[in-house]
Protein backbone atom coordinates (compact mmCIF):
# COMPACT_ATOMS: atom_id res chain seq x y z
CA UNK A 1 0.79 16.26 -7.07
CA UNK A 2 2.39 17.59 -3.78
CA UNK A 3 0.03 20.31 -3.18
CA UNK A 4 -2.84 17.97 -3.76
CA UNK A 5 -1.51 15.63 -1.12
CA UNK A 6 -0.89 18.65 1.45
CA UNK A 7 -4.24 19.71 0.75
CA UNK A 8 -5.63 16.46 1.41
CA UNK A 9 -3.75 16.19 4.73
CA UNK A 10 -4.88 19.54 5.83
CA UNK A 11 -8.40 18.43 5.27
CA UNK A 12 -8.14 15.26 6.78
CA UNK A 13 -6.64 17.01 9.88
CA UNK A 14 -9.57 19.56 9.65
CA UNK A 15 -12.14 16.40 9.67
CA UNK A 16 -10.52 14.95 12.61
CA UNK A 17 -10.42 18.13 14.81
CA UNK A 18 -13.60 18.43 17.27
CA UNK A 19 -16.00 20.86 15.59
CA UNK A 20 -15.89 24.62 16.72
CA UNK A 21 -19.08 26.86 17.50
CA UNK A 22 -19.04 27.92 13.84
CA UNK A 23 -18.93 24.43 12.43
CA UNK A 24 -21.09 24.24 9.44
CA UNK A 25 -22.02 20.42 8.31
CA UNK A 26 -22.42 21.66 4.79
CA UNK A 27 -18.79 22.59 4.50
CA UNK A 28 -17.81 18.98 5.00
CA UNK A 29 -19.55 17.13 2.05
CA UNK A 30 -17.78 14.06 0.76
CA UNK A 31 -17.89 13.64 -2.92
CA UNK A 32 -15.70 11.64 -5.45
CA UNK A 33 -12.12 11.45 -4.54
CA UNK A 34 -9.64 14.08 -5.24
CA UNK A 35 -12.36 16.46 -7.17
CA UNK A 36 -12.39 20.09 -5.75
CA UNK A 37 -15.47 21.10 -3.91
CA UNK A 38 -16.30 24.67 -4.01
CA UNK A 39 -18.88 26.00 -1.61
CA UNK A 40 -20.76 29.23 -1.99
CA UNK A 41 -18.65 30.51 1.12
CA UNK A 42 -15.21 30.26 -0.14
CA UNK A 43 -13.53 31.38 2.74
CA UNK A 44 -11.85 28.34 3.64
CA UNK A 45 -10.83 27.81 0.23
CA UNK A 46 -11.52 24.77 -2.05
CA UNK A 47 -12.08 21.34 -0.27
CA UNK A 48 -11.09 18.10 -1.24
CA UNK A 49 -13.55 15.17 -1.10
CA UNK A 50 -12.29 11.85 0.18
CA UNK A 51 -13.99 8.78 -1.24
CA UNK A 52 -15.25 6.08 0.90
CA UNK A 53 -15.55 2.42 0.05
CA UNK A 54 -16.86 -0.26 2.29
CA UNK A 55 -14.57 -3.51 2.05
CA UNK A 56 -16.54 -5.30 4.61
CA UNK A 57 -19.09 -7.62 3.13
CA UNK A 58 -21.21 -10.27 4.79
CA UNK A 59 -19.37 -13.56 5.27
CA UNK A 60 -20.34 -16.70 3.06
CA UNK A 61 -20.68 -18.59 6.13
CA UNK A 62 -22.16 -18.26 9.70
CA UNK A 63 -19.84 -17.39 12.16
CA UNK A 64 -21.67 -18.96 14.83
CA UNK A 65 -21.19 -22.31 13.64
CA UNK A 66 -17.28 -22.27 13.97
CA UNK A 67 -14.81 -23.68 11.66
CA UNK A 68 -15.40 -26.71 9.78
CA UNK A 69 -14.25 -30.01 11.12
CA UNK A 70 -11.01 -31.30 9.74
CA UNK A 71 -10.57 -34.74 8.90
CA UNK A 72 -7.39 -35.52 10.60
CA UNK A 73 -7.01 -39.22 9.49
CA UNK A 74 -6.28 -38.01 5.84
CA UNK A 75 -3.32 -35.81 7.23
CA UNK A 76 -0.24 -37.34 6.37
CA UNK A 77 2.39 -37.95 9.06
CA UNK A 78 5.69 -35.95 8.70
CA UNK A 79 7.77 -38.84 7.83
CA UNK A 80 5.28 -40.21 5.33
CA UNK A 81 4.94 -36.74 3.76
CA UNK A 82 8.67 -36.49 3.25
CA UNK A 83 8.88 -39.93 1.73
CA UNK A 84 6.15 -39.25 -0.89
CA UNK A 85 7.20 -35.50 -1.55
CA UNK A 86 10.79 -36.63 -1.88
CA UNK A 87 10.05 -39.51 -4.16
CA UNK A 88 8.01 -37.53 -6.49
CA UNK A 89 10.40 -34.65 -6.82
CA UNK A 90 13.35 -37.00 -7.69
CA UNK A 91 11.38 -38.90 -10.22
CA UNK A 92 10.14 -35.46 -11.87
CA UNK A 93 13.95 -34.59 -11.70
CA UNK A 94 15.03 -37.95 -13.68
CA UNK A 95 12.24 -37.75 -16.02
CA UNK A 96 13.02 -34.00 -16.88
CA UNK A 97 16.61 -34.74 -17.33
CA UNK A 98 15.36 -37.32 -19.93
CA UNK A 99 12.94 -35.11 -21.46
CA UNK A 100 15.33 -32.34 -21.94
CA UNK A 101 17.84 -34.59 -23.90
CA UNK A 102 14.76 -35.41 -26.50
CA UNK A 103 13.52 -31.84 -26.79
CA UNK A 104 15.11 -28.63 -28.45
CA UNK A 105 14.53 -25.88 -25.97
CA UNK A 106 17.09 -23.17 -25.70
CA UNK A 107 18.02 -22.77 -21.90
CA UNK A 108 16.42 -26.02 -20.68
CA UNK A 109 18.10 -26.36 -17.45
CA UNK A 110 17.16 -28.48 -14.27
CA UNK A 111 18.26 -27.82 -10.81
CA UNK A 112 17.65 -29.22 -7.30
CA UNK A 113 18.70 -27.93 -4.12
CA UNK A 114 17.47 -27.09 -0.66
CA UNK A 115 14.49 -29.45 -1.56
CA UNK A 116 13.44 -27.27 -4.35
CA UNK A 117 13.15 -28.55 -7.94
CA UNK A 118 13.70 -25.63 -10.43
CA UNK A 119 13.04 -26.49 -14.25
CA UNK A 120 14.09 -23.55 -16.56
CA UNK A 121 12.66 -23.57 -20.17
CA UNK A 122 14.73 -20.38 -21.44
CA UNK A 123 12.21 -18.07 -22.75
CA UNK A 124 9.43 -20.09 -22.32
CA UNK A 125 9.48 -19.93 -18.46
CA UNK A 126 10.40 -21.41 -15.35
CA UNK A 127 8.68 -24.30 -12.99
CA UNK A 128 9.59 -24.34 -9.32
CA UNK A 129 8.55 -27.23 -7.29
CA UNK A 130 9.12 -27.30 -3.26
CA UNK A 131 7.93 -29.15 -0.23
CA UNK A 132 5.79 -27.20 2.25
CA UNK A 133 6.30 -29.61 5.41
CA UNK A 134 4.00 -27.67 7.73
CA UNK A 135 0.83 -28.01 5.28
CA UNK A 136 2.04 -31.38 3.96
CA UNK A 137 1.75 -29.92 0.46
CA UNK A 138 3.95 -29.88 -2.88
CA UNK A 139 3.90 -26.22 -4.06
CA UNK A 140 4.39 -25.50 -7.95
CA UNK A 141 4.66 -22.20 -9.55
CA UNK A 142 3.85 -22.52 -13.37
CA UNK A 143 4.69 -20.20 -15.95
CA UNK A 144 1.45 -21.28 -17.87
CA UNK A 145 -0.92 -21.49 -15.02
CA UNK A 146 0.47 -19.76 -12.22
CA UNK A 147 0.64 -21.20 -8.46
CA UNK A 148 -0.56 -24.59 -6.99
CA UNK A 149 -0.78 -26.33 -3.72
CA UNK A 150 -1.05 -30.09 -4.17
CA UNK A 151 -2.16 -32.11 -1.26
CA UNK A 152 -1.71 -36.20 -1.22
CA UNK A 153 -4.80 -37.93 -1.99
CA UNK A 154 -4.64 -41.22 -0.65
CA UNK A 155 -7.53 -42.56 -2.65
CA UNK A 156 -6.03 -41.37 -5.93
CA UNK A 157 -2.43 -41.89 -4.91
CA UNK A 158 -1.54 -38.64 -6.38
CA UNK A 159 -0.86 -35.28 -5.58
CA UNK A 160 -4.22 -33.59 -6.07
CA UNK A 161 -5.00 -29.60 -6.44
CA UNK A 162 -7.95 -29.66 -4.33
CA UNK A 163 -9.94 -26.61 -6.02
CA UNK A 164 -9.83 -28.10 -9.53
CA UNK A 165 -9.04 -31.94 -8.67
CA UNK A 166 -6.18 -31.63 -11.34
CA UNK A 167 -3.46 -33.90 -10.58
CA UNK A 168 0.18 -32.60 -10.58
CA UNK A 169 1.71 -35.26 -13.17
CA UNK A 170 -1.36 -34.53 -15.36
CA UNK A 171 -0.86 -30.98 -15.06
CA UNK A 172 2.77 -30.98 -15.84
CA UNK A 173 2.40 -33.44 -18.89
CA UNK A 174 -0.17 -31.17 -20.36
CA UNK A 175 1.61 -28.14 -20.00
CA UNK A 176 5.08 -29.14 -20.84
CA UNK A 177 4.02 -30.31 -24.12
CA UNK A 178 2.18 -27.34 -24.65
CA UNK A 179 5.32 -25.38 -24.36
CA UNK A 180 7.79 -27.45 -25.74
CA UNK A 181 6.12 -29.41 -28.62
CA UNK A 182 6.68 -32.67 -27.45
CA UNK A 183 4.69 -34.99 -25.21
CA UNK A 184 6.38 -36.10 -21.94
CA UNK A 185 5.30 -39.12 -19.80
CA UNK A 186 5.58 -38.45 -15.93
CA UNK A 187 3.33 -41.13 -14.49
């Protein structure tokens, strides 16, 4: 492996040097990655190809139009955000504690500190819910469905994940019942 890396480094240096008078374009063919390239004139030894891949694609939007407009009337003021987020987190903490008394899950534990609510379900996984003040969001890490970023929806009066329109409490109720086998009412 080390010798292959050394050969690739030499090749890259060779390709970066300005061509000399005896430069032959046929000596610099690029093929699949890490496959030896044997040319009819093997005085240079085998060359290794370098794979190229374009990671650039045309954007799904017109860059000349500028960014989408933000509806600032829907953005919570910081004090309102803290009030709603703290209320939600503390309500969830109380309901999880009650739920923990009614289910038999080894390793069930609830911890709240530094504005982070952690719900451990032993071998079933761990939920983490925390505030993201700059974004005015609640972030959830779920052992079932992964990460979510919830925004407060004034019309629904609930924390909503904008991509799927799922509500925080509905998601937690569904997943907790799925994991623990007992229904839980969080709303």
